[in-house]
N, C-alpha and C. Protein backbone atom coordinates (compact mmCIF):
# COMPACT_ATOMS: atom_id res chain seq x y z
N MET A 1 98.31 124.89 89.11
CA MET A 1 99.53 124.15 89.27
C MET A 1 99.18 122.90 89.95
N SER A 2 99.83 121.96 89.63
CA SER A 2 99.70 120.54 90.39
C SER A 2 100.87 120.28 91.22
N TYR A 3 100.72 119.60 92.23
CA TYR A 3 101.68 119.39 93.31
C TYR A 3 101.72 117.86 93.60
N PRO A 4 103.08 117.40 93.91
CA PRO A 4 103.31 115.84 94.20
C PRO A 4 102.43 115.52 95.35
N LYS A 5 102.09 114.24 95.37
CA LYS A 5 101.21 113.60 96.44
C LYS A 5 102.14 113.25 97.60
N VAL A 6 103.48 113.34 97.54
CA VAL A 6 104.22 112.90 98.68
C VAL A 6 105.26 114.28 99.13
N ASN A 7 105.48 114.06 100.34
CA ASN A 7 106.44 115.21 100.91
C ASN A 7 107.82 115.31 100.58
N ASP A 8 108.55 116.32 100.72
CA ASP A 8 109.75 116.37 100.40
C ASP A 8 110.77 115.35 100.95
N GLU A 9 110.58 114.98 102.25
CA GLU A 9 111.43 113.84 102.71
C GLU A 9 111.19 112.60 102.04
N GLU A 10 110.20 112.28 101.63
CA GLU A 10 109.76 111.01 100.94
C GLU A 10 110.39 111.07 99.49
N ILE A 11 110.23 112.28 98.84
CA ILE A 11 110.84 112.43 97.58
C ILE A 11 112.24 112.27 97.44
N THR A 12 112.99 112.71 98.50
CA THR A 12 114.48 112.63 98.75
C THR A 12 114.73 111.16 98.84
N ARG A 13 114.09 110.54 99.80
CA ARG A 13 114.31 108.97 100.13
C ARG A 13 114.23 108.12 98.91
N ARG A 14 113.00 108.40 98.22
CA ARG A 14 112.70 107.63 97.08
C ARG A 14 113.65 107.81 95.93
N GLY A 15 114.07 109.16 95.81
CA GLY A 15 114.94 109.49 94.68
C GLY A 15 116.39 108.86 94.74
N LYS A 16 116.86 108.99 95.96
CA LYS A 16 118.15 108.29 96.33
C LYS A 16 118.18 106.76 96.26
N GLU A 17 117.09 106.32 96.62
CA GLU A 17 116.99 104.76 96.62
C GLU A 17 116.80 104.48 95.16
N LEU A 18 116.18 104.95 94.37
CA LEU A 18 115.98 104.49 92.97
C LEU A 18 117.15 104.66 92.28
N TYR A 19 117.85 105.85 92.52
CA TYR A 19 119.19 106.11 91.77
C TYR A 19 120.28 105.07 92.14
N GLU A 20 120.41 104.72 93.51
CA GLU A 20 121.31 103.83 93.90
C GLU A 20 121.11 102.36 93.49
N LYS A 21 119.92 101.88 93.59
CA LYS A 21 119.53 100.62 93.29
C LYS A 21 119.25 100.31 91.92
N SER A 22 118.71 101.10 91.14
CA SER A 22 118.46 100.56 89.68
C SER A 22 118.80 101.51 88.58
N ILE A 23 119.23 102.81 89.07
CA ILE A 23 119.47 103.65 87.72
C ILE A 23 121.00 104.09 87.57
N ARG A 24 121.75 104.21 88.66
CA ARG A 24 123.06 104.51 88.64
C ARG A 24 123.98 103.84 87.62
N THR A 25 123.86 102.45 87.69
CA THR A 25 124.67 101.51 86.90
C THR A 25 124.40 101.83 85.33
N GLN A 26 123.22 102.31 84.93
CA GLN A 26 122.96 102.42 83.74
C GLN A 26 123.19 103.73 83.11
N VAL A 27 123.32 104.93 83.96
CA VAL A 27 123.66 106.23 83.50
C VAL A 27 124.94 106.87 83.82
N GLU A 28 125.72 106.27 84.80
CA GLU A 28 127.00 106.78 85.24
C GLU A 28 127.97 106.40 84.30
N THR A 29 128.01 106.91 83.10
CA THR A 29 128.79 106.70 82.09
C THR A 29 129.69 107.95 81.77
N PRO A 30 130.84 107.65 81.14
CA PRO A 30 131.69 108.88 80.96
C PRO A 30 130.97 110.00 80.29
N GLU A 31 130.29 109.76 79.21
CA GLU A 31 129.56 110.88 78.53
C GLU A 31 128.51 111.47 79.39
N ASN A 32 128.00 110.73 80.61
CA ASN A 32 126.91 111.51 81.39
C ASN A 32 127.33 112.12 82.61
N ILE A 33 128.82 111.93 82.93
CA ILE A 33 129.37 112.51 84.23
C ILE A 33 129.18 114.05 84.12
N GLY A 34 128.50 114.57 85.15
CA GLY A 34 128.36 116.04 85.22
C GLY A 34 127.05 116.46 84.65
N LYS A 35 126.37 115.75 84.20
CA LYS A 35 124.99 115.94 83.66
C LYS A 35 123.93 115.96 84.74
N ILE A 36 122.88 116.51 84.54
CA ILE A 36 121.72 116.39 85.53
C ILE A 36 120.71 115.25 85.15
N ILE A 37 120.40 114.49 86.24
CA ILE A 37 119.40 113.37 86.02
C ILE A 37 118.26 113.87 87.01
N SER A 38 116.92 113.95 86.31
CA SER A 38 115.76 114.26 87.22
C SER A 38 114.99 112.90 87.08
N ILE A 39 114.51 112.42 88.20
CA ILE A 39 113.66 111.23 88.39
C ILE A 39 112.34 111.61 88.92
N ASN A 40 111.34 110.89 88.31
CA ASN A 40 110.07 110.99 88.75
C ASN A 40 110.05 109.68 89.80
N VAL A 41 110.01 110.06 91.12
CA VAL A 41 109.86 108.93 92.14
C VAL A 41 109.00 108.12 92.08
N GLU A 42 107.94 108.47 91.50
CA GLU A 42 106.56 107.74 91.59
C GLU A 42 106.51 106.58 90.54
N THR A 43 107.23 106.82 89.22
CA THR A 43 107.18 106.12 88.21
C THR A 43 108.60 105.51 87.86
N GLY A 44 109.62 106.06 88.14
CA GLY A 44 111.05 105.66 88.05
C GLY A 44 111.45 106.13 86.69
N GLU A 45 110.66 106.91 85.93
CA GLU A 45 111.09 107.45 84.70
C GLU A 45 112.16 108.58 84.99
N TYR A 46 112.91 108.71 83.99
CA TYR A 46 114.14 109.90 84.29
C TYR A 46 114.42 110.55 83.05
N GLU A 47 114.96 111.63 83.32
CA GLU A 47 115.48 112.48 82.04
C GLU A 47 116.90 112.99 82.42
N ILE A 48 117.74 113.02 81.44
CA ILE A 48 119.11 113.41 81.54
C ILE A 48 119.26 114.58 80.62
N GLY A 49 120.14 115.59 81.15
CA GLY A 49 120.22 116.66 80.40
C GLY A 49 121.36 117.71 81.08
N ASP A 50 121.59 118.86 80.43
CA ASP A 50 122.49 119.74 81.07
C ASP A 50 121.79 121.00 81.82
N ASP A 51 120.52 120.89 82.00
CA ASP A 51 119.69 121.84 82.66
C ASP A 51 118.63 121.28 83.58
N LEU A 52 118.80 121.64 84.91
CA LEU A 52 117.78 120.93 85.85
C LEU A 52 116.27 121.28 85.36
N VAL A 53 116.15 122.60 85.14
CA VAL A 53 114.68 122.93 84.74
C VAL A 53 114.23 122.24 83.56
N VAL A 54 115.04 122.20 82.51
CA VAL A 54 114.68 121.39 81.31
C VAL A 54 114.27 119.96 81.58
N THR A 55 115.14 119.16 82.44
CA THR A 55 114.90 117.80 82.59
C THR A 55 113.62 117.69 83.45
N SER A 56 113.53 118.47 84.47
CA SER A 56 112.28 118.66 85.29
C SER A 56 110.87 118.71 84.38
N LEU A 57 110.91 119.76 83.73
CA LEU A 57 109.87 120.11 82.83
C LEU A 57 109.58 118.88 81.82
N ARG A 58 110.53 118.15 81.37
CA ARG A 58 110.33 117.07 80.46
C ARG A 58 109.37 116.06 81.19
N LEU A 59 109.73 115.75 82.51
CA LEU A 59 108.97 114.80 83.28
C LEU A 59 107.74 115.26 83.74
N ARG A 60 107.52 116.48 83.89
CA ARG A 60 106.18 117.07 84.26
C ARG A 60 105.31 117.17 83.04
N ALA A 61 105.94 117.31 81.75
CA ALA A 61 104.99 117.23 80.67
C ALA A 61 104.22 115.88 80.63
N LYS A 62 104.89 114.87 81.09
CA LYS A 62 104.29 113.44 80.95
C LYS A 62 103.38 113.29 82.16
N GLN A 63 103.56 114.08 83.45
CA GLN A 63 102.85 114.01 84.60
C GLN A 63 103.08 115.08 85.30
N ALA A 64 101.91 116.02 85.19
CA ALA A 64 101.96 117.20 85.76
C ALA A 64 102.33 117.29 87.26
N ASP A 65 101.90 116.31 88.09
CA ASP A 65 102.03 116.34 89.56
C ASP A 65 103.26 115.47 89.93
N ALA A 66 104.15 115.19 88.92
CA ALA A 66 105.20 114.33 89.09
C ALA A 66 105.99 114.70 90.38
N ALA A 67 106.47 113.89 91.20
CA ALA A 67 107.33 114.12 92.30
C ALA A 67 108.92 113.95 91.96
N VAL A 68 109.45 114.97 91.46
CA VAL A 68 110.82 114.93 90.91
C VAL A 68 111.95 115.11 91.84
N TRP A 69 112.80 114.29 91.77
CA TRP A 69 114.14 114.49 92.56
C TRP A 69 115.29 114.53 91.47
N ALA A 70 116.35 115.32 91.75
CA ALA A 70 117.44 115.45 90.86
C ALA A 70 118.72 115.38 91.44
N GLU A 71 119.72 115.00 90.59
CA GLU A 71 121.14 114.89 91.07
C GLU A 71 122.00 115.03 89.92
N LYS A 72 123.25 115.41 90.24
CA LYS A 72 124.40 115.59 89.12
C LYS A 72 124.98 114.15 89.02
N ILE A 73 124.90 113.54 87.86
CA ILE A 73 125.77 112.44 87.64
C ILE A 73 127.09 112.44 88.13
N GLY A 74 127.45 111.41 89.05
CA GLY A 74 128.75 111.35 89.39
C GLY A 74 129.39 112.27 90.46
N PHE A 75 128.45 113.12 91.00
CA PHE A 75 128.77 114.02 92.04
C PHE A 75 127.95 113.92 93.22
N ASN A 76 128.28 114.63 94.46
CA ASN A 76 127.46 114.43 95.66
C ASN A 76 126.35 115.49 95.71
N ALA A 77 126.25 116.34 94.69
CA ALA A 77 125.22 117.50 94.64
C ALA A 77 124.80 117.88 93.49
N VAL A 78 123.88 118.74 93.20
CA VAL A 78 123.42 119.26 91.76
C VAL A 78 124.38 120.52 91.65
N TYR A 79 124.32 121.47 92.62
CA TYR A 79 125.04 122.63 92.55
C TYR A 79 125.75 122.75 93.78
N ALA A 80 126.86 123.66 93.95
CA ALA A 80 127.77 124.02 95.02
C ALA A 80 127.72 125.48 95.21
N VAL A 81 127.20 126.02 96.29
CA VAL A 81 127.27 127.38 96.68
C VAL A 81 128.13 127.68 97.80
N GLY A 82 129.32 128.30 97.55
CA GLY A 82 130.24 128.62 98.50
C GLY A 82 131.17 127.36 98.96
N GLY A 83 131.18 126.34 97.98
CA GLY A 83 131.91 125.17 98.14
C GLY A 83 132.22 124.43 96.84
N THR A 84 132.62 123.26 97.11
CA THR A 84 132.93 122.67 95.60
C THR A 84 132.30 121.29 95.68
N LEU A 85 131.87 120.75 94.52
CA LEU A 85 131.30 119.54 94.33
C LEU A 85 132.25 118.37 94.53
N VAL A 86 131.91 117.31 95.18
CA VAL A 86 132.82 116.21 95.33
C VAL A 86 132.33 115.07 94.39
N ARG A 87 133.36 114.61 93.61
CA ARG A 87 133.12 113.47 92.67
C ARG A 87 132.89 112.21 93.48
N THR A 88 131.86 111.49 93.26
CA THR A 88 131.61 110.19 93.79
C THR A 88 132.11 109.06 93.00
N ALA A 89 132.53 107.95 93.66
CA ALA A 89 133.13 106.84 92.96
C ALA A 89 132.13 106.21 92.18
């Protein structure tokens, strides 16, 4: 099994930065709200779909050691346990 070259904190930082600065305006459309986006934080490539595992595996098929960060498009988290998801602007 291959592992990412960067640590979890760096994956999160890069993922959020990529999403906010260059990806969000392209993908946050009515048809994508609520879908999962998985981003390879090293290449900027991303996959959108209904399932976190599927989108992550698509990225890892291209690069086995991809550092992947995910988000639910239009919301503040991917999943909510014991709470509710908050819709972002």
